[in-house]
Amino acid sequence: MYIFDTDRLMRIAETRAEEFRNAQPYPHIVIDDFLPSDVARRLASVFPGPDDNVAWDHYAAPGLEVKLGCGDETKFPPAIRTAVRDMNSAAFVLWLEKMTGIPHLLVDHHLLGGGMHLTRHGGLLGIHSDFNWHLQIHAHRRLNLLVYLTPDWRPEYGGELELWNTEGTQLVRTVEPQFNRAVLFTTRSDTFHGHPKPWAAPNGINRQSIALYYYTSERPAEEQRPAHNTLYKGYNI
């Protein structure tokens, strides 16, 4: 048994693949109730806090990136480790390929930049495009998957994901980080996104998510750029 409902995800791919591929400002899709509710609740309940001993990486670039992250699966709670491994399984990758039309996807067992993400009061992530080349597995970054795990999210908490145009000059879509919502989107050097509005929930209520990235050994010529790290545009609240 996987943590996800394989049949349901395949039905979503069959009915919504065109929606993903034609979405603006770049291919993406938002899927609510992504995981069975009991699974999502369990993951949220064991999600580590900022003071737990999980070897958090502290990102503290004021105005650009203020959050915690952990990509060391040996530090994950067992339920989250299982979830990450399931979403790196062959069954899940087959779904991703069917949904996106991108063949030959590779998973990243190093979880470079991915894994568990946590944002505390005042944290944010400026508008940016992601690093495009994984030095350890020598592959092009092609997809981001974000699964939000903050129970009972409220609009006043903020933290909305913003998708900007490919010039990084205009907001096109806002996605609220509702509990058990997944966002899947293409990653290129011009797929600008972030959550620049600071997280405003009371102390102790954190913006929790699992982030997984998927790769290919090749990518279309028109998408190729020299290898780069995260590119911030500086459009921040």
C-alpha atoms as a PDB file:
ATOM      1  CA  MET A   1       0.000   0.000   0.000  1.00  0.00           C
ATOM      2  CA  TYR A   2       1.165   3.486  -0.869  1.00  0.00           C
ATOM      3  CA  ILE A   3       0.214   6.631   1.011  1.00  0.00           C
ATOM      4  CA  PHE A   4      -1.643   7.822  -2.109  1.00  0.00           C
ATOM      5  CA  ASP A   5      -4.616   6.415  -3.969  1.00  0.00           C
ATOM      6  CA  THR A   6      -3.053   5.276  -7.247  1.00  0.00           C
ATOM      7  CA  ASP A   7      -6.345   4.823  -9.082  1.00  0.00           C
ATOM      8  CA  ARG A   8      -7.569   8.279  -8.089  1.00  0.00           C
ATOM      9  CA  LEU A   9      -4.340   9.939  -9.191  1.00  0.00           C
ATOM     10  CA  MET A  10      -4.478   8.183 -12.543  1.00  0.00           C
ATOM     11  CA  ARG A  11      -8.061   9.356 -13.036  1.00  0.00           C
ATOM     12  CA  ILE A  12      -6.912  12.904 -12.283  1.00  0.00           C
ATOM     13  CA  ALA A  13      -4.166  12.549 -14.884  1.00  0.00           C
ATOM     14  CA  GLU A  14      -6.643  11.278 -17.457  1.00  0.00           C
ATOM     15  CA  THR A  15      -9.054  14.164 -16.914  1.00  0.00           C
ATOM     16  CA  ARG A  16      -6.735  17.057 -16.049  1.00  0.00           C
ATOM     17  CA  ALA A  17      -3.491  16.532 -17.983  1.00  0.00           C
ATOM     18  CA  GLU A  18      -4.536  19.098 -20.581  1.00  0.00           C
ATOM     19  CA  GLU A  19      -5.303  21.563 -17.791  1.00  0.00           C
ATOM     20  CA  PHE A  20      -1.767  21.118 -16.446  1.00  0.00           C
ATOM     21  CA  ARG A  21      -0.103  21.544 -19.823  1.00  0.00           C
ATOM     22  CA  ASN A  22      -2.118  24.622 -20.841  1.00  0.00           C
ATOM     23  CA  ALA A  23      -2.015  26.427 -17.488  1.00  0.00           C
ATOM     24  CA  GLN A  24      -0.671  29.956 -17.250  1.00  0.00           C
ATOM     25  CA  PRO A  25       1.868  31.380 -16.599  1.00  0.00           C
ATOM     26  CA  TYR A  26       3.512  27.955 -17.059  1.00  0.00           C
ATOM     27  CA  PRO A  27       2.332  24.350 -16.743  1.00  0.00           C
ATOM     28  CA  HIS A  28       0.953  23.626 -13.288  1.00  0.00           C
ATOM     29  CA  ILE A  29      -1.972  22.099 -11.468  1.00  0.00           C
ATOM     30  CA  VAL A  30      -3.522  22.403  -8.010  1.00  0.00           C
ATOM     31  CA  ILE A  31      -4.979  19.225  -6.510  1.00  0.00           C
ATOM     32  CA  ASP A  32      -7.047  19.379  -3.335  1.00  0.00           C
ATOM     33  CA  ASP A  33      -7.402  16.425  -0.960  1.00  0.00           C
ATOM     34  CA  PHE A  34      -4.234  15.074  -2.518  1.00  0.00           C
ATOM     35  CA  LEU A  35      -3.679  12.331   0.045  1.00  0.00           C
ATOM     36  CA  PRO A  36      -6.269  10.279   1.921  1.00  0.00           C
ATOM     37  CA  SER A  37      -7.381  12.507   4.803  1.00  0.00           C
ATOM     38  CA  ASP A  38      -6.163  10.146   7.518  1.00  0.00           C
ATOM     39  CA  VAL A  39      -2.711  10.035   5.921  1.00  0.00           C
ATOM     40  CA  ALA A  40      -2.503  13.816   5.653  1.00  0.00           C
ATOM     41  CA  ARG A  41      -3.589  14.267   9.267  1.00  0.00           C
ATOM     42  CA  ARG A  42      -1.002  11.762  10.437  1.00  0.00           C
ATOM     43  CA  LEU A  43       1.783  13.508   8.512  1.00  0.00           C
ATOM     44  CA  ALA A  44       0.746  16.869   9.939  1.00  0.00           C
ATOM     45  CA  SER A  45       0.615  15.496  13.470  1.00  0.00           C
ATOM     46  CA  VAL A  46       4.201  14.198  13.362  1.00  0.00           C
ATOM     47  CA  PHE A  47       5.671  17.127  11.424  1.00  0.00           C
ATOM     48  CA  PRO A  48       8.630  18.365  13.489  1.00  0.00           C
ATOM     49  CA  GLY A  49       8.601  21.788  15.079  1.00  0.00           C
ATOM     50  CA  PRO A  50      11.355  24.384  14.733  1.00  0.00           C
ATOM     51  CA  ASP A  51      12.989  23.334  18.010  1.00  0.00           C
ATOM     52  CA  ASP A  52      12.943  19.593  17.348  1.00  0.00           C
ATOM     53  CA  ASN A  53      16.249  17.846  16.725  1.00  0.00           C
ATOM     54  CA  VAL A  54      15.924  17.125  13.013  1.00  0.00           C
ATOM     55  CA  ALA A  55      19.010  18.969  11.749  1.00  0.00           C
ATOM     56  CA  TRP A  56      17.038  21.868  10.301  1.00  0.00           C
ATOM     57  CA  ASP A  57      18.863  23.987   7.750  1.00  0.00           C
ATOM     58  CA  HIS A  58      18.191  27.641   8.546  1.00  0.00           C
ATOM     59  CA  TYR A  59      17.640  29.891   5.547  1.00  0.00           C
ATOM     60  CA  ALA A  60      17.893  33.476   6.732  1.00  0.00           C
ATOM     61  CA  ALA A  61      18.251  35.973   3.899  1.00  0.00           C
ATOM     62  CA  PRO A  62      15.963  38.877   4.936  1.00  0.00           C
ATOM     63  CA  GLY A  63      13.516  39.772   2.195  1.00  0.00           C
ATOM     64  CA  LEU A  64      14.501  36.747   0.117  1.00  0.00           C
ATOM     65  CA  GLU A  65      14.252  33.506   2.069  1.00  0.00           C
ATOM     66  CA  VAL A  66      13.454  32.951   5.743  1.00  0.00           C
ATOM     67  CA  LYS A  67      12.500  29.332   6.477  1.00  0.00           C
ATOM     68  CA  LEU A  68      13.694  25.991   7.801  1.00  0.00           C
ATOM     69  CA  GLY A  69      14.350  22.927   5.672  1.00  0.00           C
ATOM     70  CA  CYS A  70      15.522  19.370   6.166  1.00  0.00           C
ATOM     71  CA  GLY A  71      16.471  16.992   3.366  1.00  0.00           C
ATOM     72  CA  ASP A  72      18.121  14.384   5.603  1.00  0.00           C
ATOM     73  CA  GLU A  73      15.644  11.516   5.588  1.00  0.00           C
ATOM     74  CA  THR A  74      17.391   9.867   8.532  1.00  0.00           C
ATOM     75  CA  LYS A  75      15.976  12.726  10.618  1.00  0.00           C
ATOM     76  CA  PHE A  76      12.412  12.407   9.298  1.00  0.00           C
ATOM     77  CA  PRO A  77       9.637  10.964  11.438  1.00  0.00           C
ATOM     78  CA  PRO A  78       8.923   7.451  10.091  1.00  0.00           C
ATOM     79  CA  ALA A  79       5.563   8.453   8.588  1.00  0.00           C
ATOM     80  CA  ILE A  80       7.126  11.324   6.638  1.00  0.00           C
ATOM     81  CA  ARG A  81      10.033   9.132   5.512  1.00  0.00           C
ATOM     82  CA  THR A  82       7.526   6.623   4.167  1.00  0.00           C
ATOM     83  CA  ALA A  83       5.569   9.378   2.417  1.00  0.00           C
ATOM     84  CA  VAL A  84       8.671  10.742   0.710  1.00  0.00           C
ATOM     85  CA  ARG A  85       9.766   7.296  -0.422  1.00  0.00           C
ATOM     86  CA  ASP A  86       6.285   6.550  -1.770  1.00  0.00           C
ATOM     87  CA  MET A  87       6.303   9.802  -3.741  1.00  0.00           C
ATOM     88  CA  ASN A  88       9.649   8.754  -5.191  1.00  0.00           C
ATOM     89  CA  SER A  89       8.306   5.319  -6.157  1.00  0.00           C
ATOM     90  CA  ALA A  90       7.893   3.958  -9.677  1.00  0.00           C
ATOM     91  CA  ALA A  91       4.092   4.086  -9.342  1.00  0.00           C
ATOM     92  CA  PHE A  92       4.168   7.767  -8.455  1.00  0.00           C
ATOM     93  CA  VAL A  93       6.632   8.630 -11.206  1.00  0.00           C
ATOM     94  CA  LEU A  94       4.369   6.909 -13.741  1.00  0.00           C
ATOM     95  CA  TRP A  95       1.563   9.187 -12.592  1.00  0.00           C
ATOM     96  CA  LEU A  96       3.781  12.263 -12.905  1.00  0.00           C
ATOM     97  CA  GLU A  97       4.753  11.298 -16.449  1.00  0.00           C
ATOM     98  CA  LYS A  98       1.125  10.742 -17.404  1.00  0.00           C
ATOM     99  CA  MET A  99       0.030  14.052 -15.882  1.00  0.00           C
ATOM    100  CA  THR A 100       2.834  16.187 -17.295  1.00  0.00           C
ATOM    101  CA  GLY A 101       3.803  14.467 -20.522  1.00  0.00           C
ATOM    102  CA  ILE A 102       7.456  14.590 -19.442  1.00  0.00           C
ATOM    103  CA  PRO A 103       9.033  11.152 -20.024  1.00  0.00           C
ATOM    104  CA  HIS A 104      11.980   9.466 -18.325  1.00  0.00           C
ATOM    105  CA  LEU A 105      11.635  11.284 -14.999  1.00  0.00           C
ATOM    106  CA  LEU A 106      14.270  10.709 -12.353  1.00  0.00           C
ATOM    107  CA  VAL A 107      13.837  10.996  -8.599  1.00  0.00           C
ATOM    108  CA  ASP A 108      16.302  12.629  -6.227  1.00  0.00           C
ATOM    109  CA  HIS A 109      17.129  10.429  -3.276  1.00  0.00           C
ATOM    110  CA  HIS A 110      19.477  13.171  -2.028  1.00  0.00           C
ATOM    111  CA  LEU A 111      16.443  15.484  -1.595  1.00  0.00           C
ATOM    112  CA  LEU A 112      18.593  18.453  -2.574  1.00  0.00           C
ATOM    113  CA  GLY A 113      16.643  21.524  -1.448  1.00  0.00           C
ATOM    114  CA  GLY A 114      13.593  19.353  -0.795  1.00  0.00           C
ATOM    115  CA  GLY A 115      12.170  17.220   1.991  1.00  0.00           C
ATOM    116  CA  MET A 116      10.477  18.996   4.895  1.00  0.00           C
ATOM    117  CA  HIS A 117       9.963  22.765   4.768  1.00  0.00           C
ATOM    118  CA  LEU A 118       8.767  24.838   7.707  1.00  0.00           C
ATOM    119  CA  THR A 119       8.060  28.561   7.898  1.00  0.00           C
ATOM    120  CA  ARG A 120       7.591  30.292  11.238  1.00  0.00           C
ATOM    121  CA  HIS A 121       5.889  33.598  11.996  1.00  0.00           C
ATOM    122  CA  GLY A 122       7.376  36.272   9.730  1.00  0.00           C
ATOM    123  CA  GLY A 123       9.007  33.806   7.324  1.00  0.00           C
ATOM    124  CA  LEU A 124       8.755  34.151   3.558  1.00  0.00           C
ATOM    125  CA  LEU A 125      10.215  33.065   0.240  1.00  0.00           C
ATOM    126  CA  GLY A 126      10.894  35.740  -2.345  1.00  0.00           C
ATOM    127  CA  ILE A 127       9.921  35.414  -5.983  1.00  0.00           C
ATOM    128  CA  HIS A 128      12.534  33.282  -7.705  1.00  0.00           C
ATOM    129  CA  SER A 129      13.275  30.574 -10.213  1.00  0.00           C
ATOM    130  CA  ASP A 130      14.912  27.411  -8.916  1.00  0.00           C
ATOM    131  CA  PHE A 131      18.343  25.968  -9.520  1.00  0.00           C
ATOM    132  CA  ASN A 132      18.224  24.105 -12.811  1.00  0.00           C
ATOM    133  CA  TRP A 133      20.970  21.484 -12.547  1.00  0.00           C
ATOM    134  CA  HIS A 134      21.607  18.818  -9.901  1.00  0.00           C
ATOM    135  CA  LEU A 135      25.355  18.336  -9.554  1.00  0.00           C
ATOM    136  CA  GLN A 136      25.130  15.018  -7.700  1.00  0.00           C
ATOM    137  CA  ILE A 137      22.880  13.171 -10.130  1.00  0.00           C
ATOM    138  CA  HIS A 138      23.839  15.228 -13.216  1.00  0.00           C
ATOM    139  CA  ALA A 139      20.284  15.958 -14.263  1.00  0.00           C
ATOM    140  CA  HIS A 140      17.985  18.821 -15.217  1.00  0.00           C
ATOM    141  CA  ARG A 141      15.339  19.916 -12.730  1.00  0.00           C
ATOM    142  CA  ARG A 142      11.924  19.612 -14.375  1.00  0.00           C
ATOM    143  CA  LEU A 143       9.129  19.441 -11.769  1.00  0.00           C
ATOM    144  CA  ASN A 144       8.320  20.694  -8.284  1.00  0.00           C
ATOM    145  CA  LEU A 145       5.719  19.013  -6.097  1.00  0.00           C
ATOM    146  CA  LEU A 146       4.563  20.785  -2.930  1.00  0.00           C
ATOM    147  CA  VAL A 147       2.171  19.175  -0.447  1.00  0.00           C
ATOM    148  CA  TYR A 148       0.840  21.541   2.224  1.00  0.00           C
ATOM    149  CA  LEU A 149       0.391  20.144   5.723  1.00  0.00           C
ATOM    150  CA  THR A 150      -0.780  22.999   7.934  1.00  0.00           C
ATOM    151  CA  PRO A 151      -4.137  21.902   9.405  1.00  0.00           C
ATOM    152  CA  ASP A 152      -6.938  24.470   9.441  1.00  0.00           C
ATOM    153  CA  TRP A 153      -5.086  27.057   7.380  1.00  0.00           C
ATOM    154  CA  ARG A 154      -6.819  30.448   7.445  1.00  0.00           C
ATOM    155  CA  PRO A 155      -6.546  33.327   4.960  1.00  0.00           C
ATOM    156  CA  GLU A 156      -5.198  35.666   7.641  1.00  0.00           C
ATOM    157  CA  TYR A 157      -2.162  33.399   7.999  1.00  0.00           C
ATOM    158  CA  GLY A 158      -0.930  34.382   4.523  1.00  0.00           C
ATOM    159  CA  GLY A 159       1.872  32.352   3.002  1.00  0.00           C
ATOM    160  CA  GLU A 160       0.132  32.023  -0.374  1.00  0.00           C
ATOM    161  CA  LEU A 161       2.170  30.600  -3.245  1.00  0.00           C
ATOM    162  CA  GLU A 162       2.461  33.145  -6.047  1.00  0.00           C
ATOM    163  CA  LEU A 163       3.067  32.158  -9.667  1.00  0.00           C
ATOM    164  CA  TRP A 164       4.516  35.011 -11.730  1.00  0.00           C
ATOM    165  CA  ASN A 165       4.964  35.486 -15.445  1.00  0.00           C
ATOM    166  CA  THR A 166       8.094  34.220 -17.141  1.00  0.00           C
ATOM    167  CA  GLU A 167       9.679  37.686 -17.023  1.00  0.00           C
ATOM    168  CA  GLY A 168       9.256  37.761 -13.256  1.00  0.00           C
ATOM    169  CA  THR A 169       7.424  41.089 -13.439  1.00  0.00           C
ATOM    170  CA  GLN A 170       3.743  40.284 -12.839  1.00  0.00           C
ATOM    171  CA  LEU A 171       1.721  38.060 -10.528  1.00  0.00           C
ATOM    172  CA  VAL A 172      -0.525  35.699 -12.501  1.00  0.00           C
ATOM    173  CA  ARG A 173      -1.971  33.251  -9.954  1.00  0.00           C
ATOM    174  CA  THR A 174      -2.184  32.966  -6.185  1.00  0.00           C
ATOM    175  CA  VAL A 175      -2.550  29.547  -4.540  1.00  0.00           C
ATOM    176  CA  GLU A 176      -3.541  29.337  -0.872  1.00  0.00           C
ATOM    177  CA  PRO A 177      -1.595  26.701   1.106  1.00  0.00           C
ATOM    178  CA  GLN A 178      -4.712  24.866   2.205  1.00  0.00           C
ATOM    179  CA  PHE A 179      -4.264  21.672   4.170  1.00  0.00           C
ATOM    180  CA  ASN A 180      -3.657  18.566   2.026  1.00  0.00           C
ATOM    181  CA  ARG A 181      -3.429  20.617  -1.169  1.00  0.00           C
ATOM    182  CA  ALA A 182      -0.714  19.731  -3.677  1.00  0.00           C
ATOM    183  CA  VAL A 183       0.779  21.993  -6.318  1.00  0.00           C
ATOM    184  CA  LEU A 184       2.711  20.459  -9.202  1.00  0.00           C
ATOM    185  CA  PHE A 185       4.510  22.756 -11.609  1.00  0.00           C
ATOM    186  CA  THR A 186       7.185  22.846 -14.267  1.00  0.00           C
ATOM    187  CA  THR A 187      10.575  24.192 -13.273  1.00  0.00           C
ATOM    188  CA  ARG A 188      12.632  26.112 -15.787  1.00  0.00           C
ATOM    189  CA  SER A 189      14.912  29.125 -15.506  1.00  0.00           C
ATOM    190  CA  ASP A 190      11.876  31.378 -16.058  1.00  0.00           C
ATOM    191  CA  THR A 191       9.210  29.747 -13.862  1.00  0.00           C
ATOM    192  CA  PHE A 192       9.108  32.430 -11.175  1.00  0.00           C
ATOM    193  CA  HIS A 193       7.276  31.695  -7.939  1.00  0.00           C
ATOM    194  CA  GLY A 194       7.464  32.129  -4.165  1.00  0.00           C
ATOM    195  CA  HIS A 195       5.452  33.163  -1.118  1.00  0.00           C
ATOM    196  CA  PRO A 196       6.620  36.737  -0.512  1.00  0.00           C
ATOM    197  CA  LYS A 197       3.845  37.629   1.953  1.00  0.00           C
ATOM    198  CA  PRO A 198       5.224  36.794   5.407  1.00  0.00           C
ATOM    199  CA  TRP A 199       3.606  33.962   7.324  1.00  0.00           C
ATOM    200  CA  ALA A 200       1.323  35.694   9.827  1.00  0.00           C
ATOM    201  CA  ALA A 201      -0.104  32.814  11.849  1.00  0.00           C
ATOM    202  CA  PRO A 202       0.291  32.994  15.636  1.00  0.00           C
ATOM    203  CA  ASN A 203       3.518  31.620  17.052  1.00  0.00           C
ATOM    204  CA  GLY A 204       3.352  27.849  17.184  1.00  0.00           C
ATOM    205  CA  ILE A 205       1.316  27.502  13.984  1.00  0.00           C
ATOM    206  CA  ASN A 206       3.796  26.899  11.175  1.00  0.00           C
ATOM    207  CA  ARG A 207       3.577  26.682   7.405  1.00  0.00           C
ATOM    208  CA  GLN A 208       4.428  23.005   6.878  1.00  0.00           C
ATOM    209  CA  SER A 209       5.044  21.283   3.567  1.00  0.00           C
ATOM    210  CA  ILE A 210       6.767  18.400   1.871  1.00  0.00           C
ATOM    211  CA  ALA A 211       8.687  19.403  -1.252  1.00  0.00           C
ATOM    212  CA  LEU A 212       9.892  16.935  -3.871  1.00  0.00           C
ATOM    213  CA  TYR A 213      11.665  17.674  -7.138  1.00  0.00           C
ATOM    214  CA  TYR A 214      11.962  15.515 -10.243  1.00  0.00           C
ATOM    215  CA  TYR A 215      14.583  15.515 -12.983  1.00  0.00           C
ATOM    216  CA  THR A 216      15.494  14.262 -16.442  1.00  0.00           C
ATOM    217  CA  SER A 217      18.861  13.513 -18.028  1.00  0.00           C
ATOM    218  CA  GLU A 218      17.964  15.746 -20.984  1.00  0.00           C
ATOM    219  CA  ARG A 219      15.627  18.666 -21.571  1.00  0.00           C
ATOM    220  CA  PRO A 220      14.262  20.487 -24.633  1.00  0.00           C
ATOM    221  CA  ALA A 221      16.838  22.708 -26.307  1.00  0.00           C
ATOM    222  CA  GLU A 222      14.693  25.819 -25.932  1.00  0.00           C
ATOM    223  CA  GLU A 223      14.663  25.363 -22.158  1.00  0.00           C
ATOM    224  CA  GLN A 224      18.380  24.870 -21.697  1.00  0.00           C
ATOM    225  CA  ARG A 225      20.383  27.494 -19.818  1.00  0.00           C
ATOM    226  CA  PRO A 226      23.813  27.450 -18.184  1.00  0.00           C
ATOM    227  CA  ALA A 227      23.675  25.808 -14.764  1.00  0.00           C
ATOM    228  CA  HIS A 228      22.635  28.264 -12.057  1.00  0.00           C
ATOM    229  CA  ASN A 229      21.545  28.409  -8.448  1.00  0.00           C
ATOM    230  CA  THR A 230      18.297  29.991  -7.269  1.00  0.00           C
ATOM    231  CA  LEU A 231      17.606  33.252  -9.104  1.00  0.00           C
ATOM    232  CA  TYR A 232      15.751  35.857  -7.033  1.00  0.00           C
ATOM    233  CA  LYS A 233      13.904  38.670  -8.739  1.00  0.00           C
ATOM    234  CA  GLY A 234      13.577  40.783  -5.607  1.00  0.00           C
ATOM    235  CA  TYR A 235       9.829  41.395  -5.964  1.00  0.00           C
ATOM    236  CA  ASN A 236       9.031  41.012  -2.277  1.00  0.00           C
ATOM    237  CA  ILE A 237       6.499  42.477   0.103  1.00  0.00           C
END
